[in-house]
């Protein structure tokens, strides 16, 4: 259980007042802090994604496929499937480690979060599955 010594906290808060509004790519504010915190925010749609996970930002820069490799539609489809599986695991702490699955993710398929949000969320799911040897869906996670 030494791999779980560092508490992994994925906090994703995606909420929206306007469910059909599109995200303009120029309004997305992204910061990658030195402590491996990845933050993606948009004040217009009032959503925020914060990912605290040691090693993710390094992995994103060095191992993940480059932006543009996957289409936004592909990542939206996979992200939705991963979110459904993730949320089911959050609701079963007696079965799945609550240190891995801490909070539910509110990801709505009818909202266009934009390419950057979907790219980073998709890659976090890939990173998470490879790093913690989890398989969220029937898709085998690979880079």
N, C-alpha and C. Protein backbone atom coordinates (compact mmCIF):
# COMPACT_ATOMS: atom_id res chain seq x y z
N UNK A 1 0.80 -1.20 0.00
CA UNK A 1 0.00 0.00 0.00
C UNK A 1 0.84 1.27 0.00
N UNK A 2 2.18 1.11 -0.24
CA UNK A 2 3.05 2.27 -0.24
C UNK A 2 2.71 3.23 -1.37
N UNK A 3 2.09 2.70 -2.45
CA UNK A 3 1.72 3.60 -3.54
C UNK A 3 0.61 4.55 -3.13
N UNK A 4 -0.08 4.20 -2.05
CA UNK A 4 -1.17 5.06 -1.59
C UNK A 4 -0.75 5.97 -0.46
N UNK A 5 0.57 5.97 -0.13
CA UNK A 5 1.06 6.81 0.95
C UNK A 5 0.79 8.28 0.63
N UNK A 6 1.11 8.68 -0.58
CA UNK A 6 0.79 10.04 -0.95
C UNK A 6 -0.69 10.09 -1.30
N UNK A 7 -1.39 10.90 -0.58
CA UNK A 7 -2.84 10.98 -0.78
C UNK A 7 -3.10 11.66 -2.11
N UNK A 8 -3.89 10.98 -2.90
CA UNK A 8 -4.22 11.46 -4.22
C UNK A 8 -5.60 12.11 -4.14
N UNK A 9 -5.62 13.35 -4.49
CA UNK A 9 -6.88 14.07 -4.43
C UNK A 9 -7.15 14.68 -5.79
N UNK A 10 -8.21 14.24 -6.37
CA UNK A 10 -8.65 14.82 -7.63
C UNK A 10 -9.90 15.61 -7.31
N UNK A 11 -9.82 16.89 -7.45
CA UNK A 11 -10.96 17.73 -7.19
C UNK A 11 -11.39 18.34 -8.51
N UNK A 12 -12.53 17.93 -8.93
CA UNK A 12 -13.02 18.49 -10.17
C UNK A 12 -14.38 19.11 -9.89
N UNK A 13 -14.45 20.37 -10.10
CA UNK A 13 -15.69 21.08 -9.91
C UNK A 13 -16.07 21.69 -11.25
N UNK A 14 -17.01 21.07 -11.89
CA UNK A 14 -17.47 21.61 -13.16
C UNK A 14 -18.94 21.96 -12.96
N UNK A 15 -19.22 23.21 -13.01
CA UNK A 15 -20.60 23.60 -12.89
C UNK A 15 -20.88 24.74 -13.85
N UNK A 16 -22.10 24.85 -14.24
CA UNK A 16 -22.41 25.82 -15.27
C UNK A 16 -23.78 26.42 -15.06
N UNK A 17 -23.89 27.67 -15.33
CA UNK A 17 -25.19 28.33 -15.30
C UNK A 17 -25.85 28.27 -16.67
N UNK A 18 -25.03 28.21 -17.72
CA UNK A 18 -25.54 28.21 -19.08
C UNK A 18 -25.10 26.91 -19.75
N UNK A 19 -25.97 25.93 -19.77
CA UNK A 19 -25.56 24.60 -20.21
C UNK A 19 -25.32 24.48 -21.71
N UNK A 20 -25.76 25.44 -22.51
CA UNK A 20 -25.54 25.33 -23.95
C UNK A 20 -24.51 26.32 -24.46
N UNK A 21 -23.94 27.11 -23.58
CA UNK A 21 -22.96 28.10 -24.00
C UNK A 21 -21.64 27.43 -24.36
N UNK A 22 -21.00 27.92 -25.42
CA UNK A 22 -19.72 27.36 -25.86
C UNK A 22 -18.57 28.08 -25.16
N UNK A 23 -17.48 27.38 -24.99
CA UNK A 23 -16.29 27.93 -24.37
C UNK A 23 -15.40 28.48 -25.46
N UNK A 24 -15.06 29.74 -25.37
CA UNK A 24 -14.10 30.33 -26.30
C UNK A 24 -12.71 29.96 -25.81
N UNK A 25 -11.88 29.46 -26.73
CA UNK A 25 -10.57 28.97 -26.31
C UNK A 25 -9.71 30.07 -25.70
N UNK A 26 -9.94 31.32 -26.07
CA UNK A 26 -9.14 32.40 -25.51
C UNK A 26 -9.52 32.73 -24.07
N UNK A 27 -10.67 32.27 -23.58
CA UNK A 27 -11.09 32.59 -22.23
C UNK A 27 -10.69 31.53 -21.22
N UNK A 28 -10.07 30.47 -21.66
CA UNK A 28 -9.66 29.43 -20.73
C UNK A 28 -8.35 29.83 -20.08
N UNK A 29 -8.35 29.84 -18.76
CA UNK A 29 -7.16 30.21 -17.99
C UNK A 29 -6.54 28.93 -17.45
N UNK A 30 -5.29 28.66 -17.83
CA UNK A 30 -4.62 27.45 -17.38
C UNK A 30 -3.34 27.81 -16.65
N UNK A 31 -3.13 27.16 -15.52
CA UNK A 31 -1.89 27.32 -14.79
C UNK A 31 -1.41 25.96 -14.36
N UNK A 32 -0.13 25.70 -14.53
CA UNK A 32 0.46 24.49 -13.98
C UNK A 32 1.48 24.96 -12.95
N UNK A 33 1.18 24.72 -11.69
CA UNK A 33 2.05 25.15 -10.62
C UNK A 33 3.20 24.16 -10.46
N UNK A 34 4.22 24.61 -9.76
CA UNK A 34 5.39 23.77 -9.57
C UNK A 34 5.09 22.55 -8.70
N UNK A 35 4.02 22.58 -7.90
CA UNK A 35 3.71 21.47 -7.02
C UNK A 35 2.76 20.47 -7.67
N UNK A 36 2.77 20.38 -8.97
CA UNK A 36 1.95 19.43 -9.71
C UNK A 36 0.46 19.66 -9.56
N UNK A 37 0.05 20.88 -9.42
CA UNK A 37 -1.36 21.22 -9.42
C UNK A 37 -1.70 21.74 -10.81
N UNK A 38 -2.71 21.15 -11.42
CA UNK A 38 -3.16 21.60 -12.72
C UNK A 38 -4.52 22.25 -12.52
N UNK A 39 -4.65 23.50 -12.95
CA UNK A 39 -5.90 24.23 -12.79
C UNK A 39 -6.36 24.71 -14.15
N UNK A 40 -7.62 24.46 -14.43
CA UNK A 40 -8.25 24.93 -15.66
C UNK A 40 -9.52 25.64 -15.24
N UNK A 41 -9.71 26.88 -15.65
CA UNK A 41 -10.88 27.62 -15.20
C UNK A 41 -11.43 28.51 -16.31
N UNK A 42 -12.72 28.79 -16.23
CA UNK A 42 -13.39 29.71 -17.13
C UNK A 42 -14.45 30.42 -16.33
N UNK A 43 -14.28 31.72 -16.12
CA UNK A 43 -15.22 32.47 -15.30
C UNK A 43 -16.58 32.65 -15.96
N UNK A 44 -16.62 32.70 -17.30
CA UNK A 44 -17.90 32.86 -17.99
C UNK A 44 -18.85 31.71 -17.72
N UNK A 45 -18.34 30.49 -17.82
CA UNK A 45 -19.18 29.31 -17.58
C UNK A 45 -19.15 28.87 -16.13
N UNK A 46 -18.35 29.54 -15.32
CA UNK A 46 -18.24 29.24 -13.90
C UNK A 46 -17.91 27.78 -13.65
N UNK A 47 -16.84 27.31 -14.27
CA UNK A 47 -16.37 25.97 -13.97
C UNK A 47 -14.90 26.03 -13.63
N UNK A 48 -14.47 25.03 -12.91
CA UNK A 48 -13.08 24.95 -12.52
C UNK A 48 -12.71 23.49 -12.35
N UNK A 49 -11.55 23.14 -12.84
CA UNK A 49 -11.00 21.81 -12.63
C UNK A 49 -9.66 22.01 -11.93
N UNK A 50 -9.49 21.34 -10.81
CA UNK A 50 -8.22 21.38 -10.11
C UNK A 50 -7.77 19.94 -9.90
N UNK A 51 -6.59 19.62 -10.38
CA UNK A 51 -6.05 18.28 -10.25
C UNK A 51 -4.79 18.36 -9.40
N UNK A 52 -4.84 17.71 -8.23
CA UNK A 52 -3.66 17.60 -7.36
C UNK A 52 -3.18 16.16 -7.48
N UNK A 53 -2.09 15.95 -8.12
CA UNK A 53 -1.56 14.59 -8.23
C UNK A 53 -0.07 14.68 -8.55
N UNK A 54 0.76 14.20 -7.65
CA UNK A 54 2.21 14.26 -7.90
C UNK A 54 2.57 13.57 -9.20
N UNK A 55 3.22 14.28 -10.06
CA UNK A 55 3.69 13.68 -11.30
C UNK A 55 2.82 13.92 -12.51
N UNK A 56 1.58 14.35 -12.34
CA UNK A 56 0.70 14.49 -13.50
C UNK A 56 1.18 15.55 -14.48
N UNK A 57 1.55 16.72 -14.00
CA UNK A 57 1.95 17.77 -14.95
C UNK A 57 3.21 17.37 -15.71
N UNK A 58 4.13 16.68 -15.04
CA UNK A 58 5.32 16.19 -15.72
C UNK A 58 4.95 15.15 -16.76
N UNK A 59 4.07 14.23 -16.38
CA UNK A 59 3.61 13.19 -17.30
C UNK A 59 2.90 13.82 -18.50
N UNK A 60 2.07 14.83 -18.24
CA UNK A 60 1.33 15.49 -19.31
C UNK A 60 2.28 16.11 -20.33
N UNK A 61 3.35 16.72 -19.86
CA UNK A 61 4.32 17.35 -20.76
C UNK A 61 5.21 16.33 -21.47
N UNK A 62 5.50 15.22 -20.83
CA UNK A 62 6.50 14.31 -21.39
C UNK A 62 5.95 13.03 -22.03
N UNK A 63 4.82 12.53 -21.56
CA UNK A 63 4.34 11.23 -22.03
C UNK A 63 3.04 11.30 -22.85
N UNK A 64 2.19 12.24 -22.57
CA UNK A 64 0.89 12.31 -23.23
C UNK A 64 1.04 12.64 -24.72
N UNK A 65 0.08 12.18 -25.50
CA UNK A 65 0.06 12.56 -26.92
C UNK A 65 -0.09 14.07 -27.00
N UNK A 66 0.47 14.70 -28.01
CA UNK A 66 0.39 16.16 -28.11
C UNK A 66 -1.03 16.63 -28.40
N UNK A 67 -1.28 17.87 -28.03
CA UNK A 67 -2.59 18.46 -28.34
C UNK A 67 -2.80 18.37 -29.84
N UNK A 68 -4.02 18.05 -30.23
CA UNK A 68 -4.35 17.89 -31.64
C UNK A 68 -4.33 16.44 -32.10
N UNK A 69 -3.73 15.56 -31.32
CA UNK A 69 -3.66 14.15 -31.70
C UNK A 69 -5.06 13.52 -31.71
N UNK A 70 -5.83 13.79 -30.67
CA UNK A 70 -7.21 13.28 -30.58
C UNK A 70 -8.18 14.40 -30.91
N UNK A 71 -9.32 14.03 -31.50
CA UNK A 71 -10.35 15.04 -31.76
C UNK A 71 -11.08 15.34 -30.45
N UNK A 72 -11.67 16.52 -30.40
CA UNK A 72 -12.44 16.90 -29.22
C UNK A 72 -13.61 15.93 -29.02
N UNK A 73 -14.25 15.53 -30.10
CA UNK A 73 -15.39 14.61 -30.02
C UNK A 73 -14.97 13.27 -29.40
N UNK A 74 -13.82 12.76 -29.82
CA UNK A 74 -13.31 11.51 -29.26
C UNK A 74 -13.10 11.63 -27.76
N UNK A 75 -12.43 12.73 -27.34
CA UNK A 75 -12.15 12.91 -25.91
C UNK A 75 -13.41 13.15 -25.11
N UNK A 76 -14.38 13.87 -25.67
CA UNK A 76 -15.65 14.09 -24.96
C UNK A 76 -16.36 12.77 -24.70
N UNK A 77 -16.37 11.90 -25.71
CA UNK A 77 -17.02 10.59 -25.56
C UNK A 77 -16.33 9.76 -24.50
N UNK A 78 -15.01 9.69 -24.56
CA UNK A 78 -14.27 8.91 -23.56
C UNK A 78 -14.38 9.54 -22.17
N UNK A 79 -14.27 10.86 -22.09
CA UNK A 79 -14.37 11.52 -20.79
C UNK A 79 -15.71 11.23 -20.13
N UNK A 80 -16.77 11.26 -20.91
CA UNK A 80 -18.08 10.99 -20.34
C UNK A 80 -18.13 9.56 -19.77
N UNK A 81 -17.61 8.60 -20.51
CA UNK A 81 -17.58 7.21 -20.05
C UNK A 81 -16.71 7.06 -18.81
N UNK A 82 -15.56 7.71 -18.80
CA UNK A 82 -14.68 7.65 -17.63
C UNK A 82 -15.35 8.29 -16.41
N UNK A 83 -16.02 9.41 -16.60
CA UNK A 83 -16.68 10.11 -15.50
C UNK A 83 -17.79 9.23 -14.90
N UNK A 84 -18.57 8.58 -15.74
CA UNK A 84 -19.63 7.70 -15.24
C UNK A 84 -19.04 6.60 -14.37
N UNK A 85 -17.98 5.97 -14.85
CA UNK A 85 -17.32 4.91 -14.09
C UNK A 85 -16.71 5.47 -12.80
N UNK A 86 -16.05 6.60 -12.90
CA UNK A 86 -15.43 7.24 -11.73
C UNK A 86 -16.49 7.50 -10.66
N UNK A 87 -17.60 8.12 -11.06
CA UNK A 87 -18.65 8.46 -10.10
C UNK A 87 -19.26 7.23 -9.45
N UNK A 88 -19.39 6.15 -10.20
CA UNK A 88 -19.89 4.90 -9.61
C UNK A 88 -18.93 4.41 -8.53
N UNK A 89 -17.64 4.55 -8.77
CA UNK A 89 -16.64 4.11 -7.80
C UNK A 89 -16.62 5.00 -6.56
N UNK A 90 -16.85 6.29 -6.75
CA UNK A 90 -16.91 7.20 -5.60
C UNK A 90 -18.05 6.77 -4.67
N UNK A 91 -19.15 6.32 -5.23
CA UNK A 91 -20.31 5.93 -4.44
C UNK A 91 -20.17 4.55 -3.79
N UNK A 92 -19.06 3.87 -4.03
CA UNK A 92 -18.83 2.55 -3.45
C UNK A 92 -17.49 2.52 -2.69
N UNK A 93 -17.36 3.32 -1.62
CA UNK A 93 -16.07 3.38 -0.91
C UNK A 93 -15.69 2.07 -0.22
N UNK A 94 -16.66 1.19 0.00
CA UNK A 94 -16.35 -0.10 0.61
C UNK A 94 -15.71 -1.05 -0.41
N UNK A 95 -15.86 -0.75 -1.70
CA UNK A 95 -15.30 -1.58 -2.76
C UNK A 95 -14.05 -0.94 -3.35
N UNK A 96 -14.10 0.36 -3.60
CA UNK A 96 -12.99 1.08 -4.23
C UNK A 96 -12.34 2.03 -3.23
N UNK A 97 -11.05 2.12 -3.29
CA UNK A 97 -10.27 2.93 -2.36
C UNK A 97 -10.73 4.39 -2.38
N UNK A 98 -11.27 4.89 -1.25
CA UNK A 98 -11.72 6.29 -1.22
C UNK A 98 -10.58 7.30 -1.32
N UNK A 99 -9.33 6.85 -1.11
CA UNK A 99 -8.20 7.75 -1.31
C UNK A 99 -7.94 8.00 -2.79
N UNK A 100 -8.38 7.07 -3.63
CA UNK A 100 -8.24 7.24 -5.08
C UNK A 100 -9.47 7.94 -5.66
N UNK A 101 -10.62 7.57 -5.19
CA UNK A 101 -11.88 8.10 -5.73
C UNK A 101 -12.54 8.96 -4.66
N UNK A 102 -12.05 10.19 -4.52
CA UNK A 102 -12.49 11.04 -3.44
C UNK A 102 -13.77 11.81 -3.69
N UNK A 103 -13.93 12.36 -4.87
CA UNK A 103 -15.08 13.22 -5.14
C UNK A 103 -15.70 12.89 -6.48
N UNK A 104 -17.00 13.13 -6.56
CA UNK A 104 -17.67 12.94 -7.84
C UNK A 104 -17.27 14.05 -8.81
N UNK A 105 -17.41 13.75 -10.08
CA UNK A 105 -17.10 14.70 -11.14
C UNK A 105 -18.41 15.06 -11.84
N UNK A 106 -18.68 16.34 -11.95
CA UNK A 106 -19.87 16.81 -12.65
C UNK A 106 -19.46 17.20 -14.06
N UNK A 107 -19.62 16.27 -14.98
CA UNK A 107 -19.25 16.50 -16.38
C UNK A 107 -20.49 16.23 -17.21
N UNK A 108 -21.00 17.25 -17.84
CA UNK A 108 -22.24 17.12 -18.60
C UNK A 108 -21.92 17.04 -20.09
N UNK A 109 -22.50 16.06 -20.75
CA UNK A 109 -22.20 15.83 -22.16
C UNK A 109 -22.76 16.93 -23.08
N UNK A 110 -23.73 17.69 -22.60
CA UNK A 110 -24.33 18.72 -23.45
C UNK A 110 -23.61 20.08 -23.33
N UNK A 111 -22.52 20.14 -22.59
CA UNK A 111 -21.75 21.38 -22.45
C UNK A 111 -20.45 21.25 -23.23
N UNK A 112 -20.14 22.26 -24.02
CA UNK A 112 -18.88 22.29 -24.75
C UNK A 112 -17.84 22.95 -23.86
N UNK A 113 -17.02 22.15 -23.21
CA UNK A 113 -15.98 22.67 -22.32
C UNK A 113 -14.74 23.12 -23.08
N UNK A 114 -14.70 22.81 -24.34
CA UNK A 114 -13.56 23.22 -25.15
C UNK A 114 -12.50 22.13 -25.22
N UNK A 115 -11.58 22.32 -26.15
CA UNK A 115 -10.56 21.30 -26.40
C UNK A 115 -9.62 21.12 -25.22
N UNK A 116 -9.13 22.23 -24.67
CA UNK A 116 -8.11 22.17 -23.61
C UNK A 116 -8.61 21.43 -22.38
N UNK A 117 -9.82 21.71 -21.96
CA UNK A 117 -10.38 21.04 -20.79
C UNK A 117 -10.51 19.55 -21.06
N UNK A 118 -11.05 19.19 -22.20
CA UNK A 118 -11.22 17.78 -22.54
C UNK A 118 -9.86 17.08 -22.69
N UNK A 119 -8.89 17.76 -23.25
CA UNK A 119 -7.55 17.19 -23.42
C UNK A 119 -6.93 16.86 -22.07
N UNK A 120 -6.95 17.81 -21.15
CA UNK A 120 -6.33 17.58 -19.85
C UNK A 120 -7.11 16.58 -19.01
N UNK A 121 -8.42 16.62 -19.08
CA UNK A 121 -9.22 15.65 -18.33
C UNK A 121 -9.01 14.24 -18.88
N UNK A 122 -9.03 14.09 -20.19
CA UNK A 122 -8.80 12.79 -20.82
C UNK A 122 -7.43 12.25 -20.42
N UNK A 123 -6.43 13.10 -20.52
CA UNK A 123 -5.09 12.64 -20.18
C UNK A 123 -4.93 12.35 -18.70
N UNK A 124 -5.67 13.04 -17.84
CA UNK A 124 -5.62 12.68 -16.42
C UNK A 124 -6.18 11.28 -16.22
N UNK A 125 -7.27 10.97 -16.89
CA UNK A 125 -7.84 9.62 -16.75
C UNK A 125 -6.85 8.56 -17.23
N UNK A 126 -6.15 8.82 -18.32
CA UNK A 126 -5.15 7.87 -18.81
C UNK A 126 -4.03 7.74 -17.79
N UNK A 127 -3.50 8.86 -17.33
CA UNK A 127 -2.43 8.88 -16.32
C UNK A 127 -2.87 8.12 -15.06
N UNK A 128 -4.05 8.42 -14.58
CA UNK A 128 -4.58 7.79 -13.36
C UNK A 128 -4.64 6.27 -13.52
N UNK A 129 -5.18 5.82 -14.63
CA UNK A 129 -5.33 4.38 -14.84
C UNK A 129 -3.97 3.68 -14.94
N UNK A 130 -3.03 4.28 -15.64
CA UNK A 130 -1.71 3.67 -15.79
C UNK A 130 -0.92 3.72 -14.48
N UNK A 131 -0.99 4.83 -13.78
CA UNK A 131 -0.21 5.02 -12.56
C UNK A 131 -0.72 4.16 -11.41
N UNK A 132 -2.04 4.09 -11.25
CA UNK A 132 -2.62 3.39 -10.10
C UNK A 132 -3.22 2.03 -10.47
N UNK A 133 -2.91 1.57 -11.68
CA UNK A 133 -3.34 0.26 -12.15
C UNK A 133 -4.85 0.05 -11.96
N UNK A 134 -5.59 0.99 -12.47
CA UNK A 134 -7.04 0.95 -12.45
C UNK A 134 -7.53 0.89 -13.89
N UNK A 135 -8.67 0.28 -14.10
CA UNK A 135 -9.27 0.31 -15.43
C UNK A 135 -10.71 0.77 -15.27
N UNK A 136 -10.98 1.98 -15.72
CA UNK A 136 -12.29 2.59 -15.51
C UNK A 136 -13.36 2.04 -16.44
N UNK A 137 -12.98 1.67 -17.65
CA UNK A 137 -13.95 1.16 -18.63
C UNK A 137 -13.34 -0.06 -19.32
N UNK A 138 -14.00 -0.53 -20.35
CA UNK A 138 -13.50 -1.65 -21.12
C UNK A 138 -12.32 -1.29 -22.01
N UNK A 139 -12.03 0.01 -22.13
CA UNK A 139 -10.90 0.47 -22.95
C UNK A 139 -9.60 0.29 -22.14
N UNK A 140 -8.63 -0.33 -22.74
CA UNK A 140 -7.33 -0.49 -22.09
C UNK A 140 -6.59 0.84 -22.20
N UNK A 141 -6.24 1.45 -21.05
CA UNK A 141 -5.56 2.74 -21.13
C UNK A 141 -4.15 2.61 -21.69
N UNK A 142 -3.84 3.44 -22.64
CA UNK A 142 -2.50 3.45 -23.22
C UNK A 142 -2.19 4.85 -23.73
N UNK A 143 -0.93 5.07 -23.90
CA UNK A 143 -0.48 6.40 -24.33
C UNK A 143 -0.57 6.47 -25.85
